[in-house]
Amino acid sequence: HQTRRWNPKMAQYIFTERNGIYIIDLQKTVKKVDEAYNFIKEIAAEKGNILFVGTKKQA
């Protein structure tokens, strides 16, 4: 994301800033994606409902 448009809660996942754009830390991101995957997998295994919500038309 551009450095002027970011959420401070994401600070721990920012690796660096380059040319006005924040670069995310992929090692930290992979860990969180794995956590999310395992959580969703557990819900699905228990026949639970999962709702994905997109906030942009492109989504």
N, C-alpha and C. Protein backbone atom coordinates (compact mmCIF):
# COMPACT_ATOMS: atom_id res chain seq x y z
N HIS A 1 0.83 -1.19 0.00
CA HIS A 1 0.00 0.00 0.00
C HIS A 1 0.87 1.25 0.00
N GLN A 2 0.29 2.33 -0.45
CA GLN A 2 1.01 3.59 -0.39
C GLN A 2 1.18 3.97 1.08
N THR A 3 2.28 4.65 1.39
CA THR A 3 2.58 4.97 2.78
C THR A 3 1.57 5.93 3.40
N ARG A 4 0.83 6.65 2.59
CA ARG A 4 -0.16 7.57 3.17
C ARG A 4 -1.48 6.87 3.47
N ARG A 5 -1.65 5.62 3.03
CA ARG A 5 -2.89 4.88 3.24
C ARG A 5 -2.57 3.55 3.92
N TRP A 6 -2.56 3.57 5.25
CA TRP A 6 -2.27 2.34 5.96
C TRP A 6 -2.93 2.34 7.32
N ASN A 7 -3.08 1.16 7.89
CA ASN A 7 -3.66 1.01 9.21
C ASN A 7 -2.52 0.77 10.20
N PRO A 8 -2.41 1.57 11.25
CA PRO A 8 -1.32 1.41 12.22
C PRO A 8 -1.25 0.01 12.85
N LYS A 9 -2.36 -0.72 12.86
CA LYS A 9 -2.34 -2.08 13.41
C LYS A 9 -1.47 -3.01 12.56
N MET A 10 -1.18 -2.60 11.35
CA MET A 10 -0.37 -3.43 10.44
C MET A 10 1.13 -3.17 10.58
N ALA A 11 1.52 -2.27 11.46
CA ALA A 11 2.93 -1.88 11.59
C ALA A 11 3.86 -3.08 11.79
N GLN A 12 3.44 -4.05 12.58
CA GLN A 12 4.31 -5.19 12.86
C GLN A 12 4.54 -6.08 11.63
N TYR A 13 3.71 -5.92 10.59
CA TYR A 13 3.84 -6.73 9.39
C TYR A 13 4.52 -6.00 8.23
N ILE A 14 4.95 -4.77 8.48
CA ILE A 14 5.63 -4.00 7.44
C ILE A 14 7.12 -4.29 7.50
N PHE A 15 7.65 -4.72 6.37
CA PHE A 15 9.07 -5.07 6.28
C PHE A 15 9.91 -3.82 6.06
N THR A 16 9.49 -3.00 5.09
CA THR A 16 10.22 -1.78 4.77
C THR A 16 9.33 -0.86 3.94
N GLU A 17 9.83 0.32 3.68
CA GLU A 17 9.14 1.28 2.81
C GLU A 17 10.07 1.56 1.65
N ARG A 18 9.52 1.50 0.43
CA ARG A 18 10.34 1.73 -0.75
C ARG A 18 9.54 2.54 -1.76
N ASN A 19 10.07 3.68 -2.15
CA ASN A 19 9.43 4.54 -3.15
C ASN A 19 7.98 4.89 -2.80
N GLY A 20 7.73 5.17 -1.53
CA GLY A 20 6.40 5.58 -1.10
C GLY A 20 5.41 4.44 -0.94
N ILE A 21 5.90 3.20 -0.97
CA ILE A 21 5.03 2.03 -0.82
C ILE A 21 5.58 1.14 0.30
N TYR A 22 4.68 0.64 1.14
CA TYR A 22 5.09 -0.28 2.19
C TYR A 22 5.20 -1.69 1.61
N ILE A 23 6.26 -2.37 1.99
CA ILE A 23 6.47 -3.76 1.59
C ILE A 23 6.19 -4.62 2.81
N ILE A 24 5.28 -5.59 2.66
CA ILE A 24 4.91 -6.42 3.81
C ILE A 24 5.97 -7.50 4.05
N ASP A 25 6.06 -7.94 5.30
CA ASP A 25 6.98 -8.99 5.70
C ASP A 25 6.34 -10.33 5.35
N LEU A 26 6.85 -10.99 4.33
CA LEU A 26 6.24 -12.23 3.84
C LEU A 26 6.37 -13.38 4.83
N GLN A 27 7.44 -13.41 5.61
CA GLN A 27 7.60 -14.49 6.59
C GLN A 27 6.51 -14.42 7.66
N LYS A 28 6.23 -13.22 8.14
CA LYS A 28 5.16 -13.06 9.13
C LYS A 28 3.80 -13.31 8.50
N THR A 29 3.64 -12.88 7.26
CA THR A 29 2.37 -13.04 6.57
C THR A 29 2.05 -14.52 6.36
N VAL A 30 3.04 -15.31 5.97
CA VAL A 30 2.82 -16.74 5.75
C VAL A 30 2.35 -17.42 7.03
N LYS A 31 2.92 -17.05 8.16
CA LYS A 31 2.50 -17.64 9.44
C LYS A 31 1.02 -17.35 9.71
N LYS A 32 0.59 -16.13 9.46
CA LYS A 32 -0.80 -15.75 9.72
C LYS A 32 -1.75 -16.39 8.70
N VAL A 33 -1.31 -16.53 7.47
CA VAL A 33 -2.14 -17.21 6.46
C VAL A 33 -2.32 -18.67 6.86
N ASP A 34 -1.26 -19.31 7.34
CA ASP A 34 -1.37 -20.69 7.82
C ASP A 34 -2.34 -20.80 8.98
N GLU A 35 -2.28 -19.86 9.92
CA GLU A 35 -3.21 -19.85 11.06
C GLU A 35 -4.65 -19.73 10.57
N ALA A 36 -4.88 -18.83 9.63
CA ALA A 36 -6.23 -18.63 9.10
C ALA A 36 -6.71 -19.88 8.36
N TYR A 37 -5.82 -20.49 7.59
CA TYR A 37 -6.17 -21.71 6.86
C TYR A 37 -6.58 -22.82 7.84
N ASN A 38 -5.79 -23.02 8.88
CA ASN A 38 -6.11 -24.06 9.85
C ASN A 38 -7.42 -23.79 10.57
N PHE A 39 -7.69 -22.53 10.88
CA PHE A 39 -8.94 -22.17 11.54
C PHE A 39 -10.13 -22.48 10.63
N ILE A 40 -10.03 -22.08 9.38
CA ILE A 40 -11.13 -22.32 8.43
C ILE A 40 -11.30 -23.82 8.17
N LYS A 41 -10.19 -24.53 8.11
CA LYS A 41 -10.25 -25.98 7.90
C LYS A 41 -10.99 -26.67 9.05
N GLU A 42 -10.75 -26.22 10.29
CA GLU A 42 -11.45 -26.78 11.45
C GLU A 42 -12.95 -26.49 11.38
N ILE A 43 -13.30 -25.27 11.03
CA ILE A 43 -14.71 -24.90 10.92
C ILE A 43 -15.39 -25.76 9.85
N ALA A 44 -14.74 -25.90 8.71
CA ALA A 44 -15.31 -26.69 7.62
C ALA A 44 -15.45 -28.16 8.01
N ALA A 45 -14.48 -28.70 8.74
CA ALA A 45 -14.53 -30.10 9.16
C ALA A 45 -15.70 -30.35 10.10
N GLU A 46 -16.09 -29.33 10.85
CA GLU A 46 -17.22 -29.45 11.77
C GLU A 46 -18.53 -29.04 11.10
N LYS A 47 -18.50 -28.90 9.76
CA LYS A 47 -19.68 -28.51 8.98
C LYS A 47 -20.21 -27.13 9.36
N GLY A 48 -19.31 -26.27 9.81
CA GLY A 48 -19.71 -24.91 10.17
C GLY A 48 -19.86 -24.03 8.94
N ASN A 49 -20.40 -22.86 9.14
CA ASN A 49 -20.59 -21.89 8.06
C ASN A 49 -19.44 -20.89 8.04
N ILE A 50 -19.01 -20.56 6.84
CA ILE A 50 -17.94 -19.58 6.65
C ILE A 50 -18.47 -18.53 5.68
N LEU A 51 -18.40 -17.28 6.08
CA LEU A 51 -18.88 -16.19 5.24
C LEU A 51 -17.69 -15.32 4.85
N PHE A 52 -17.45 -15.21 3.55
CA PHE A 52 -16.41 -14.32 3.04
C PHE A 52 -17.08 -13.05 2.56
N VAL A 53 -16.59 -11.91 3.01
CA VAL A 53 -17.18 -10.62 2.67
C VAL A 53 -16.15 -9.79 1.92
N GLY A 54 -16.53 -9.30 0.75
CA GLY A 54 -15.67 -8.41 -0.01
C GLY A 54 -16.17 -6.99 0.15
N THR A 55 -15.25 -6.05 0.34
CA THR A 55 -15.65 -4.66 0.54
C THR A 55 -15.42 -3.80 -0.70
N LYS A 56 -14.88 -4.41 -1.75
CA LYS A 56 -14.63 -3.66 -2.98
C LYS A 56 -15.30 -4.38 -4.14
N LYS A 57 -15.68 -3.64 -5.14
CA LYS A 57 -16.32 -4.24 -6.31
C LYS A 57 -15.42 -5.28 -6.97
N GLN A 58 -14.10 -5.06 -6.96
CA GLN A 58 -13.17 -5.99 -7.58
C GLN A 58 -13.17 -7.34 -6.89
N ALA A 59 -13.50 -7.35 -5.61
CA ALA A 59 -13.48 -8.60 -4.84
C ALA A 59 -14.63 -9.47 -5.27
